[in-house]
């Protein structure tokens, strides 16, 4: 992303009163444990490293969307 990285976006979302409860899922090329732990420490609910399995990603996203 040209202006902010995913960690900065997550921090901004978690800092805003109107956005802090939005579940954040990282979808990234960074697959090492340090990056994964950093995402979770920042408040992410999931961390998915590439390459992805599209059906699995859809299930993981659906699990975080509240039922209406």
C-alpha atoms as a PDB file:
ATOM      1  CA  UNK A   1       0.000   0.000   0.000  1.00  0.00           C
ATOM      2  CA  UNK A   2       1.507   3.321  -0.973  1.00  0.00           C
ATOM      3  CA  UNK A   3       0.679   5.507   2.049  1.00  0.00           C
ATOM      4  CA  UNK A   4       0.377   3.115   5.006  1.00  0.00           C
ATOM      5  CA  UNK A   5       1.235  -0.491   5.690  1.00  0.00           C
ATOM      6  CA  UNK A   6      -1.259  -2.958   7.126  1.00  0.00           C
ATOM      7  CA  UNK A   7       0.033  -2.487  10.655  1.00  0.00           C
ATOM      8  CA  UNK A   8      -0.556   1.268  10.423  1.00  0.00           C
ATOM      9  CA  UNK A   9      -4.064   0.719   9.049  1.00  0.00           C
ATOM     10  CA  UNK A  10      -4.830  -1.707  11.867  1.00  0.00           C
ATOM     11  CA  UNK A  11      -3.525   0.744  14.471  1.00  0.00           C
ATOM     12  CA  UNK A  12      -5.636   3.561  13.011  1.00  0.00           C
ATOM     13  CA  UNK A  13      -8.755   1.367  13.017  1.00  0.00           C
ATOM     14  CA  UNK A  14      -8.188   0.227  16.590  1.00  0.00           C
ATOM     15  CA  UNK A  15      -7.561   3.826  17.683  1.00  0.00           C
ATOM     16  CA  UNK A  16     -10.851   5.192  16.311  1.00  0.00           C
ATOM     17  CA  UNK A  17     -13.954   4.987  18.509  1.00  0.00           C
ATOM     18  CA  UNK A  18     -16.157   4.260  15.487  1.00  0.00           C
ATOM     19  CA  UNK A  19     -13.853   1.606  14.044  1.00  0.00           C
ATOM     20  CA  UNK A  20     -12.171  -0.109  16.986  1.00  0.00           C
ATOM     21  CA  UNK A  21     -14.636  -3.011  16.959  1.00  0.00           C
ATOM     22  CA  UNK A  22     -14.171  -3.814  13.267  1.00  0.00           C
ATOM     23  CA  UNK A  23     -12.522  -7.235  13.031  1.00  0.00           C
ATOM     24  CA  UNK A  24      -9.202  -6.965  11.217  1.00  0.00           C
ATOM     25  CA  UNK A  25      -7.862  -9.899   9.214  1.00  0.00           C
ATOM     26  CA  UNK A  26      -4.360  -9.563   7.801  1.00  0.00           C
ATOM     27  CA  UNK A  27      -3.899 -11.054   4.317  1.00  0.00           C
ATOM     28  CA  UNK A  28      -0.203 -10.775   3.642  1.00  0.00           C
ATOM     29  CA  UNK A  29       2.932 -12.106   2.057  1.00  0.00           C
ATOM     30  CA  UNK A  30       4.689 -11.872   5.417  1.00  0.00           C
ATOM     31  CA  UNK A  31       4.508 -15.372   6.809  1.00  0.00           C
ATOM     32  CA  UNK A  32       7.031 -15.375   9.638  1.00  0.00           C
ATOM     33  CA  UNK A  33       6.011 -15.769  13.268  1.00  0.00           C
ATOM     34  CA  UNK A  34       7.242 -12.319  14.331  1.00  0.00           C
ATOM     35  CA  UNK A  35       4.966 -10.610  11.808  1.00  0.00           C
ATOM     36  CA  UNK A  36       2.045 -12.858  12.726  1.00  0.00           C
ATOM     37  CA  UNK A  37       2.426 -12.142  16.432  1.00  0.00           C
ATOM     38  CA  UNK A  38       2.729  -8.410  15.720  1.00  0.00           C
ATOM     39  CA  UNK A  39      -0.595  -8.486  13.834  1.00  0.00           C
ATOM     40  CA  UNK A  40      -2.347 -10.268  16.676  1.00  0.00           C
ATOM     41  CA  UNK A  41      -0.781  -7.951  19.262  1.00  0.00           C
ATOM     42  CA  UNK A  42      -2.214  -4.997  17.348  1.00  0.00           C
ATOM     43  CA  UNK A  43      -5.709  -6.443  17.603  1.00  0.00           C
ATOM     44  CA  UNK A  44      -6.139  -8.553  14.473  1.00  0.00           C
ATOM     45  CA  UNK A  45      -8.589 -11.445  14.794  1.00  0.00           C
ATOM     46  CA  UNK A  46      -6.853 -13.527  12.121  1.00  0.00           C
ATOM     47  CA  UNK A  47      -3.660 -13.543  10.056  1.00  0.00           C
ATOM     48  CA  UNK A  48      -3.625 -15.258   6.669  1.00  0.00           C
ATOM     49  CA  UNK A  49      -0.347 -15.645   4.779  1.00  0.00           C
ATOM     50  CA  UNK A  50      -0.064 -16.032   1.022  1.00  0.00           C
ATOM     51  CA  UNK A  51      -0.424 -18.151  -0.953  1.00  0.00           C
ATOM     52  CA  UNK A  52      -4.059 -18.362   0.024  1.00  0.00           C
ATOM     53  CA  UNK A  53      -6.734 -21.025  -0.302  1.00  0.00           C
ATOM     54  CA  UNK A  54      -9.777 -18.975  -1.431  1.00  0.00           C
ATOM     55  CA  UNK A  55     -12.459 -21.268   0.082  1.00  0.00           C
ATOM     56  CA  UNK A  56     -10.611 -21.286   3.407  1.00  0.00           C
ATOM     57  CA  UNK A  57     -10.288 -17.481   3.348  1.00  0.00           C
ATOM     58  CA  UNK A  58     -14.027 -17.154   2.691  1.00  0.00           C
ATOM     59  CA  UNK A  59     -14.799 -19.434   5.658  1.00  0.00           C
ATOM     60  CA  UNK A  60     -12.463 -17.492   7.931  1.00  0.00           C
ATOM     61  CA  UNK A  61     -13.971 -14.154   6.905  1.00  0.00           C
ATOM     62  CA  UNK A  62     -17.518 -15.492   7.281  1.00  0.00           C
ATOM     63  CA  UNK A  63     -16.659 -16.661  10.799  1.00  0.00           C
ATOM     64  CA  UNK A  64     -15.904 -13.038  11.759  1.00  0.00           C
ATOM     65  CA  UNK A  65     -19.025 -11.446  10.255  1.00  0.00           C
ATOM     66  CA  UNK A  66     -21.776 -11.104  12.860  1.00  0.00           C
ATOM     67  CA  UNK A  67     -25.009 -12.881  12.025  1.00  0.00           C
ATOM     68  CA  UNK A  68     -27.852 -10.495  11.319  1.00  0.00           C
END
